[in-house]
PDB file of N, CA and C in Angstrom:
ATOM      1  N   UNK A   1      72.054 147.591 -82.217  1.00  0.00           N
ATOM      2  CA  UNK A   1      72.005 148.824 -81.455  1.00  0.00           C
ATOM      3  C   UNK A   1      72.068 148.545 -79.953  1.00  0.00           C
ATOM      4  N   UNK A   2      71.423 147.448 -79.529  1.00  0.00           N
ATOM      5  CA  UNK A   2      71.424 147.112 -78.111  1.00  0.00           C
ATOM      6  C   UNK A   2      72.832 146.804 -77.617  1.00  0.00           C
ATOM      7  N   UNK A   3      73.602 146.100 -78.420  1.00  0.00           N
ATOM      8  CA  UNK A   3      74.953 145.762 -77.989  1.00  0.00           C
ATOM      9  C   UNK A   3      75.825 147.016 -77.897  1.00  0.00           C
ATOM     10  N   UNK A   4      75.600 147.971 -78.790  1.00  0.00           N
ATOM     11  CA  UNK A   4      76.346 149.226 -78.728  1.00  0.00           C
ATOM     12  C   UNK A   4      76.038 149.962 -77.432  1.00  0.00           C
ATOM     13  N   UNK A   5      74.772 150.048 -77.087  1.00  0.00           N
ATOM     14  CA  UNK A   5      74.377 150.715 -75.841  1.00  0.00           C
ATOM     15  C   UNK A   5      74.967 149.983 -74.642  1.00  0.00           C
ATOM     16  N   UNK A   6      74.930 148.659 -74.673  1.00  0.00           N
ATOM     17  CA  UNK A   6      75.505 147.866 -73.582  1.00  0.00           C
ATOM     18  C   UNK A   6      76.973 148.201 -73.385  1.00  0.00           C
ATOM     19  N   UNK A   7      77.747 148.220 -74.474  1.00  0.00           N
ATOM     20  CA  UNK A   7      79.179 148.479 -74.364  1.00  0.00           C
ATOM     21  C   UNK A   7      79.473 149.916 -73.958  1.00  0.00           C
ATOM     22  N   UNK A   8      78.654 150.853 -74.395  1.00  0.00           N
ATOM     23  CA  UNK A   8      78.833 152.237 -73.955  1.00  0.00           C
ATOM     24  C   UNK A   8      78.633 152.337 -72.448  1.00  0.00           C
ATOM     25  N   UNK A   9      77.609 151.655 -71.936  1.00  0.00           N
ATOM     26  CA  UNK A   9      77.353 151.671 -70.493  1.00  0.00           C
ATOM     27  C   UNK A   9      78.504 151.014 -69.740  1.00  0.00           C
ATOM     28  N   UNK A  10      79.004 149.889 -70.237  1.00  0.00           N
ATOM     29  CA  UNK A  10      80.115 149.192 -69.578  1.00  0.00           C
ATOM     30  C   UNK A  10      81.357 150.084 -69.538  1.00  0.00           C
ATOM     31  N   UNK A  11      81.698 150.682 -70.664  1.00  0.00           N
ATOM     32  CA  UNK A  11      82.889 151.533 -70.703  1.00  0.00           C
ATOM     33  C   UNK A  11      82.702 152.794 -69.854  1.00  0.00           C
ATOM     34  N   UNK A  12      81.502 153.344 -69.859  1.00  0.00           N
ATOM     35  CA  UNK A  12      81.249 154.537 -69.043  1.00  0.00           C
ATOM     36  C   UNK A  12      81.367 154.200 -67.556  1.00  0.00           C
ATOM     37  N   UNK A  13      80.818 153.048 -67.159  1.00  0.00           N
ATOM     38  CA  UNK A  13      80.929 152.631 -65.757  1.00  0.00           C
ATOM     39  C   UNK A  13      82.389 152.408 -65.375  1.00  0.00           C
ATOM     40  N   UNK A  14      83.139 151.797 -66.257  1.00  0.00           N
ATOM     41  CA  UNK A  14      84.563 151.597 -65.998  1.00  0.00           C
ATOM     42  C   UNK A  14      85.303 152.915 -65.883  1.00  0.00           C
ATOM     43  N   UNK A  15      84.965 153.867 -66.741  1.00  0.00           N
ATOM     44  CA  UNK A  15      85.590 155.178 -66.679  1.00  0.00           C
ATOM     45  C   UNK A  15      85.269 155.918 -65.387  1.00  0.00           C
ATOM     46  N   UNK A  16      84.020 155.807 -64.953  1.00  0.00           N
ATOM     47  CA  UNK A  16      83.624 156.450 -63.689  1.00  0.00           C
ATOM     48  C   UNK A  16      84.360 155.818 -62.520  1.00  0.00           C
ATOM     49  N   UNK A  17      84.456 154.493 -62.509  1.00  0.00           N
ATOM     50  CA  UNK A  17      85.173 153.816 -61.425  1.00  0.00           C
ATOM     51  C   UNK A  17      86.654 154.196 -61.399  1.00  0.00           C
ATOM     52  N   UNK A  18      87.246 154.361 -62.579  1.00  0.00           N
ATOM     53  CA  UNK A  18      88.658 154.753 -62.624  1.00  0.00           C
ATOM     54  C   UNK A  18      88.853 156.228 -62.275  1.00  0.00           C
ATOM     55  N   UNK A  19      87.892 157.053 -62.661  1.00  0.00           N
ATOM     56  CA  UNK A  19      88.015 158.483 -62.380  1.00  0.00           C
ATOM     57  C   UNK A  19      87.780 158.799 -60.905  1.00  0.00           C
ATOM     58  N   UNK A  20      86.923 158.016 -60.275  1.00  0.00           N
ATOM     59  CA  UNK A  20      86.588 158.250 -58.865  1.00  0.00           C
ATOM     60  C   UNK A  20      86.830 156.982 -58.047  1.00  0.00           C
ATOM     61  N   UNK A  21      88.084 156.627 -57.805  1.00  0.00           N
ATOM     62  CA  UNK A  21      88.378 155.378 -57.085  1.00  0.00           C
ATOM     63  C   UNK A  21      87.880 155.384 -55.637  1.00  0.00           C
ATOM     64  N   UNK A  22      87.674 156.565 -55.064  1.00  0.00           N
ATOM     65  CA  UNK A  22      87.162 156.622 -53.691  1.00  0.00           C
ATOM     66  C   UNK A  22      85.746 156.071 -53.589  1.00  0.00           C
ATOM     67  N   UNK A  23      84.960 156.235 -54.656  1.00  0.00           N
ATOM     68  CA  UNK A  23      83.603 155.683 -54.633  1.00  0.00           C
ATOM     69  C   UNK A  23      83.655 154.156 -54.611  1.00  0.00           C
ATOM     70  N   UNK A  24      84.638 153.572 -55.257  1.00  0.00           N
ATOM     71  CA  UNK A  24      84.783 152.119 -55.247  1.00  0.00           C
ATOM     72  C   UNK A  24      85.335 151.632 -53.916  1.00  0.00           C
ATOM     73  N   UNK A  25      86.075 152.497 -53.212  1.00  0.00           N
ATOM     74  CA  UNK A  25      86.638 152.065 -51.937  1.00  0.00           C
ATOM     75  C   UNK A  25      85.545 151.823 -50.892  1.00  0.00           C
ATOM     76  N   UNK A  26      84.416 152.505 -51.023  1.00  0.00           N
ATOM     77  CA  UNK A  26      83.287 152.234 -50.127  1.00  0.00           C
ATOM     78  C   UNK A  26      82.794 150.794 -50.316  1.00  0.00           C
ATOM     79  N   UNK A  27      82.712 150.381 -51.569  1.00  0.00           N
ATOM     80  CA  UNK A  27      82.303 148.999 -51.853  1.00  0.00           C
ATOM     81  C   UNK A  27      83.340 147.999 -51.373  1.00  0.00           C
ATOM     82  N   UNK A  28      84.598 148.313 -51.583  1.00  0.00           N
ATOM     83  CA  UNK A  28      85.644 147.368 -51.183  1.00  0.00           C
ATOM     84  C   UNK A  28      85.675 147.176 -49.669  1.00  0.00           C
ATOM     85  N   UNK A  29      85.393 148.218 -48.936  1.00  0.00           N
ATOM     86  CA  UNK A  29      85.352 148.093 -47.473  1.00  0.00           C
ATOM     87  C   UNK A  29      84.191 147.216 -47.032  1.00  0.00           C
ATOM     88  N   UNK A  30      83.025 147.391 -47.665  1.00  0.00           N
ATOM     89  CA  UNK A  30      81.871 146.575 -47.304  1.00  0.00           C
ATOM     90  C   UNK A  30      82.050 145.119 -47.707  1.00  0.00           C
ATOM     91  N   UNK A  31      82.740 144.892 -48.816  1.00  0.00           N
ATOM     92  CA  UNK A  31      82.950 143.524 -49.304  1.00  0.00           C
ATOM     93  C   UNK A  31      84.220 142.893 -48.743  1.00  0.00           C
ATOM     94  N   UNK A  32      84.952 143.640 -47.927  1.00  0.00           N
ATOM     95  CA  UNK A  32      86.191 143.171 -47.307  1.00  0.00           C
ATOM     96  C   UNK A  32      87.241 142.769 -48.346  1.00  0.00           C
ATOM     97  N   UNK A  33      87.364 143.601 -49.384  1.00  0.00           N
ATOM     98  CA  UNK A  33      88.408 143.418 -50.388  1.00  0.00           C
ATOM     99  C   UNK A  33      89.545 144.369 -50.020  1.00  0.00           C
ATOM    100  N   UNK A  34      90.768 143.854 -50.034  1.00  0.00           N
ATOM    101  CA  UNK A  34      91.905 144.618 -49.516  1.00  0.00           C
ATOM    102  C   UNK A  34      92.170 145.901 -50.301  1.00  0.00           C
ATOM    103  N   UNK A  35      92.198 145.806 -51.634  1.00  0.00           N
ATOM    104  CA  UNK A  35      92.555 146.967 -52.446  1.00  0.00           C
ATOM    105  C   UNK A  35      91.521 147.192 -53.533  1.00  0.00           C
ATOM    106  N   UNK A  36      91.420 148.415 -53.996  1.00  0.00           N
ATOM    107  CA  UNK A  36      90.489 148.754 -55.076  1.00  0.00           C
ATOM    108  C   UNK A  36      90.890 148.015 -56.348  1.00  0.00           C
ATOM    109  N   UNK A  37      92.188 147.858 -56.564  1.00  0.00           N
ATOM    110  CA  UNK A  37      92.663 147.140 -57.748  1.00  0.00           C
ATOM    111  C   UNK A  37      92.182 145.693 -57.739  1.00  0.00           C
ATOM    112  N   UNK A  38      92.201 145.053 -56.574  1.00  0.00           N
ATOM    113  CA  UNK A  38      91.674 143.689 -56.466  1.00  0.00           C
ATOM    114  C   UNK A  38      90.186 143.651 -56.810  1.00  0.00           C
ATOM    115  N   UNK A  39      89.473 144.659 -56.365  1.00  0.00           N
ATOM    116  CA  UNK A  39      88.044 144.755 -56.663  1.00  0.00           C
ATOM    117  C   UNK A  39      87.815 144.855 -58.169  1.00  0.00           C
ATOM    118  N   UNK A  40      88.608 145.697 -58.852  1.00  0.00           N
ATOM    119  CA  UNK A  40      88.494 145.826 -60.300  1.00  0.00           C
ATOM    120  C   UNK A  40      88.807 144.506 -60.996  1.00  0.00           C
ATOM    121  N   UNK A  41      89.803 143.804 -60.503  1.00  0.00           N
ATOM    122  CA  UNK A  41      90.153 142.507 -61.075  1.00  0.00           C
ATOM    123  C   UNK A  41      89.013 141.510 -60.924  1.00  0.00           C
ATOM    124  N   UNK A  42      88.410 141.483 -59.744  1.00  0.00           N
ATOM    125  CA  UNK A  42      87.286 140.581 -59.495  1.00  0.00           C
ATOM    126  C   UNK A  42      86.118 140.922 -60.415  1.00  0.00           C
ATOM    127  N   UNK A  43      85.807 142.211 -60.528  1.00  0.00           N
ATOM    128  CA  UNK A  43      84.725 142.636 -61.427  1.00  0.00           C
ATOM    129  C   UNK A  43      85.013 142.234 -62.868  1.00  0.00           C
ATOM    130  N   UNK A  44      86.260 142.416 -63.287  1.00  0.00           N
ATOM    131  CA  UNK A  44      86.632 142.054 -64.654  1.00  0.00           C
ATOM    132  C   UNK A  44      86.503 140.561 -64.919  1.00  0.00           C
ATOM    133  N   UNK A  45      86.945 139.754 -63.981  1.00  0.00           N
ATOM    134  CA  UNK A  45      86.820 138.300 -64.145  1.00  0.00           C
ATOM    135  C   UNK A  45      85.361 137.867 -64.176  1.00  0.00           C
ATOM    136  N   UNK A  46      84.552 138.466 -63.317  1.00  0.00           N
ATOM    137  CA  UNK A  46      83.125 138.138 -63.316  1.00  0.00           C
ATOM    138  C   UNK A  46      82.475 138.552 -64.640  1.00  0.00           C
ATOM    139  N   UNK A  47      82.818 139.736 -65.110  1.00  0.00           N
ATOM    140  CA  UNK A  47      82.254 140.244 -66.362  1.00  0.00           C
ATOM    141  C   UNK A  47      82.618 139.334 -67.532  1.00  0.00           C
ATOM    142  N   UNK A  48      83.897 138.993 -67.640  1.00  0.00           N
ATOM    143  CA  UNK A  48      84.312 138.152 -68.764  1.00  0.00           C
ATOM    144  C   UNK A  48      83.804 136.720 -68.638  1.00  0.00           C
ATOM    145  N   UNK A  49      83.566 136.254 -67.436  1.00  0.00           N
ATOM    146  CA  UNK A  49      82.950 134.937 -67.259  1.00  0.00           C
ATOM    147  C   UNK A  49      81.529 134.940 -67.809  1.00  0.00           C
ATOM    148  N   UNK A  50      80.789 135.986 -67.515  1.00  0.00           N
ATOM    149  CA  UNK A  50      79.417 136.094 -68.022  1.00  0.00           C
ATOM    150  C   UNK A  50      79.418 136.220 -69.536  1.00  0.00           C
ATOM    151  N   UNK A  51      80.301 137.046 -70.074  1.00  0.00           N
ATOM    152  CA  UNK A  51      80.385 137.215 -71.530  1.00  0.00           C
ATOM    153  C   UNK A  51      80.750 135.893 -72.201  1.00  0.00           C
ATOM    154  N   UNK A  52      81.684 135.144 -71.622  1.00  0.00           N
ATOM    155  CA  UNK A  52      82.076 133.845 -72.175  1.00  0.00           C
ATOM    156  C   UNK A  52      80.909 132.874 -72.154  1.00  0.00           C
ATOM    157  N   UNK A  53      80.155 132.854 -71.055  1.00  0.00           N
ATOM    158  CA  UNK A  53      78.993 131.975 -70.967  1.00  0.00           C
ATOM    159  C   UNK A  53      77.955 132.335 -72.024  1.00  0.00           C
ATOM    160  N   UNK A  54      77.660 133.622 -72.172  1.00  0.00           N
ATOM    161  CA  UNK A  54      76.677 134.048 -73.169  1.00  0.00           C
ATOM    162  C   UNK A  54      77.142 133.723 -74.583  1.00  0.00           C
ATOM    163  N   UNK A  55      78.422 133.890 -74.845  1.00  0.00           N
ATOM    164  CA  UNK A  55      78.978 133.560 -76.157  1.00  0.00           C
ATOM    165  C   UNK A  55      78.871 132.062 -76.432  1.00  0.00           C
ATOM    166  N   UNK A  56      79.172 131.255 -75.425  1.00  0.00           N
ATOM    167  CA  UNK A  56      79.078 129.803 -75.572  1.00  0.00           C
ATOM    168  C   UNK A  56      77.640 129.377 -75.833  1.00  0.00           C
ATOM    169  N   UNK A  57      76.711 129.950 -75.109  1.00  0.00           N
ATOM    170  CA  UNK A  57      75.294 129.624 -75.292  1.00  0.00           C
ATOM    171  C   UNK A  57      74.830 129.993 -76.697  1.00  0.00           C
ATOM    172  N   UNK A  58      75.238 131.157 -77.153  1.00  0.00           N
ATOM    173  CA  UNK A  58      74.869 131.598 -78.497  1.00  0.00           C
ATOM    174  C   UNK A  58      75.472 130.682 -79.567  1.00  0.00           C
ATOM    175  N   UNK A  59      76.707 130.273 -79.376  1.00  0.00           N
ATOM    176  CA  UNK A  59      77.369 129.381 -80.332  1.00  0.00           C
ATOM    177  C   UNK A  59      76.671 128.028 -80.386  1.00  0.00           C
ATOM    178  N   UNK A  60      76.309 127.491 -79.237  1.00  0.00           N
ATOM    179  CA  UNK A  60      75.609 126.201 -79.211  1.00  0.00           C
ATOM    180  C   UNK A  60      74.258 126.297 -79.900  1.00  0.00           C
ATOM    181  N   UNK A  61      73.554 127.397 -79.684  1.00  0.00           N
ATOM    182  CA  UNK A  61      72.255 127.590 -80.325  1.00  0.00           C
ATOM    183  C   UNK A  61      72.415 127.663 -81.843  1.00  0.00           C
ATOM    184  N   UNK A  62      73.446 128.373 -82.296  1.00  0.00           N
ATOM    185  CA  UNK A  62      73.705 128.485 -83.731  1.00  0.00           C
ATOM    186  C   UNK A  62      74.097 127.135 -84.319  1.00  0.00           C
ATOM    187  N   UNK A  63      74.931 126.375 -83.616  1.00  0.00           N
ATOM    188  CA  UNK A  63      75.319 125.042 -84.089  1.00  0.00           C
ATOM    189  C   UNK A  63      74.097 124.143 -84.241  1.00  0.00           C
ATOM    190  N   UNK A  64      73.169 124.216 -83.290  1.00  0.00           N
ATOM    191  CA  UNK A  64      71.961 123.397 -83.349  1.00  0.00           C
ATOM    192  C   UNK A  64      71.109 123.778 -84.559  1.00  0.00           C
ATOM    193  N   UNK A  65      70.989 125.073 -84.813  1.00  0.00           N
ATOM    194  CA  UNK A  65      70.198 125.527 -85.958  1.00  0.00           C
ATOM    195  C   UNK A  65      70.827 125.093 -87.273  1.00  0.00           C
ATOM    196  N   UNK A  66      72.151 125.181 -87.367  1.00  0.00           N
ATOM    197  CA  UNK A  66      72.852 124.763 -88.591  1.00  0.00           C
ATOM    198  C   UNK A  66      72.687 123.263 -88.793  1.00  0.00           C
ATOM    199  N   UNK A  67      72.802 122.495 -87.700  1.00  0.00           N
ATOM    200  CA  UNK A  67      72.645 121.045 -87.795  1.00  0.00           C
ATOM    201  C   UNK A  67      71.247 120.675 -88.283  1.00  0.00           C
ATOM    202  N   UNK A  68      70.232 121.338 -87.766  1.00  0.00           N
ATOM    203  CA  UNK A  68      68.864 121.072 -88.212  1.00  0.00           C
ATOM    204  C   UNK A  68      68.685 121.425 -89.682  1.00  0.00           C
ATOM    205  N   UNK A  69      69.257 122.528 -90.098  1.00  0.00           N
ATOM    206  CA  UNK A  69      69.168 122.941 -91.502  1.00  0.00           C
ATOM    207  C   UNK A  69      69.869 121.945 -92.413  1.00  0.00           C
ATOM    208  N   UNK A  70      71.053 121.483 -92.023  1.00  0.00           N
ATOM    209  CA  UNK A  70      71.785 120.502 -92.826  1.00  0.00           C
ATOM    210  C   UNK A  70      70.996 119.203 -92.926  1.00  0.00           C
ATOM    211  N   UNK A  71      70.369 118.784 -91.849  1.00  0.00           N
ATOM    212  CA  UNK A  71      69.555 117.555 -91.886  1.00  0.00           C
ATOM    213  C   UNK A  71      68.379 117.703 -92.833  1.00  0.00           C
ATOM    214  N   UNK A  72      67.697 118.862 -92.780  1.00  0.00           N
ATOM    215  CA  UNK A  72      66.564 119.084 -93.685  1.00  0.00           C
ATOM    216  C   UNK A  72      67.012 119.054 -95.136  1.00  0.00           C
ATOM    217  N   UNK A  73      68.146 119.676 -95.438  1.00  0.00           N
ATOM    218  CA  UNK A  73      68.656 119.688 -96.817  1.00  0.00           C
ATOM    219  C   UNK A  73      69.053 118.290 -97.251  1.00  0.00           C
ATOM    220  N   UNK A  74      69.681 117.527 -96.353  1.00  0.00           N
ATOM    221  CA  UNK A  74      70.094 116.153 -96.690  1.00  0.00           C
ATOM    222  C   UNK A  74      68.888 115.278 -96.951  1.00  0.00           C
ATOM    223  N   UNK A  75      67.827 115.430 -96.172  1.00  0.00           N
ATOM    224  CA  UNK A  75      66.612 114.622 -96.375  1.00  0.00           C
ATOM    225  C   UNK A  75      65.947 114.980 -97.690  1.00  0.00           C
ATOM    226  N   UNK A  76      65.907 116.267 -98.032  1.00  0.00           N
ATOM    227  CA  UNK A  76      65.302 116.680 -99.291  1.00  0.00           C
ATOM    228  C   UNK A  76      66.077 116.145-100.494  1.00  0.00           C
ATOM    229  N   UNK A  77      67.407 116.119-100.391  1.00  0.00           N
ATOM    230  CA  UNK A  77      68.212 115.634-101.524  1.00  0.00           C
ATOM    231  C   UNK A  77      68.114 114.122-101.699  1.00  0.00           C
ATOM    232  N   UNK A  78      67.844 113.431-100.605  1.00  0.00           N
ATOM    233  CA  UNK A  78      67.758 111.982-100.673  1.00  0.00           C
ATOM    234  C   UNK A  78      66.463 111.607-101.310  1.00  0.00           C
TER     235      UNK A  78
END
């Protein structure tokens, strides 16, 4: 349920930014970004970088748990 709420918020924020590009232009002026489209691109790259990092961390944690489980099963069978 938490992931659903997260994605609804992300998509809603994206929709608001696309519907009202003038609100994003205030941010782009303060951040010295030339165009609103560049700002959206930067936000997208940052977002997907974070998602990739979280996915990688989760995968490593799962691999570690599977490895520990396989070791326990191998020791019991021996």
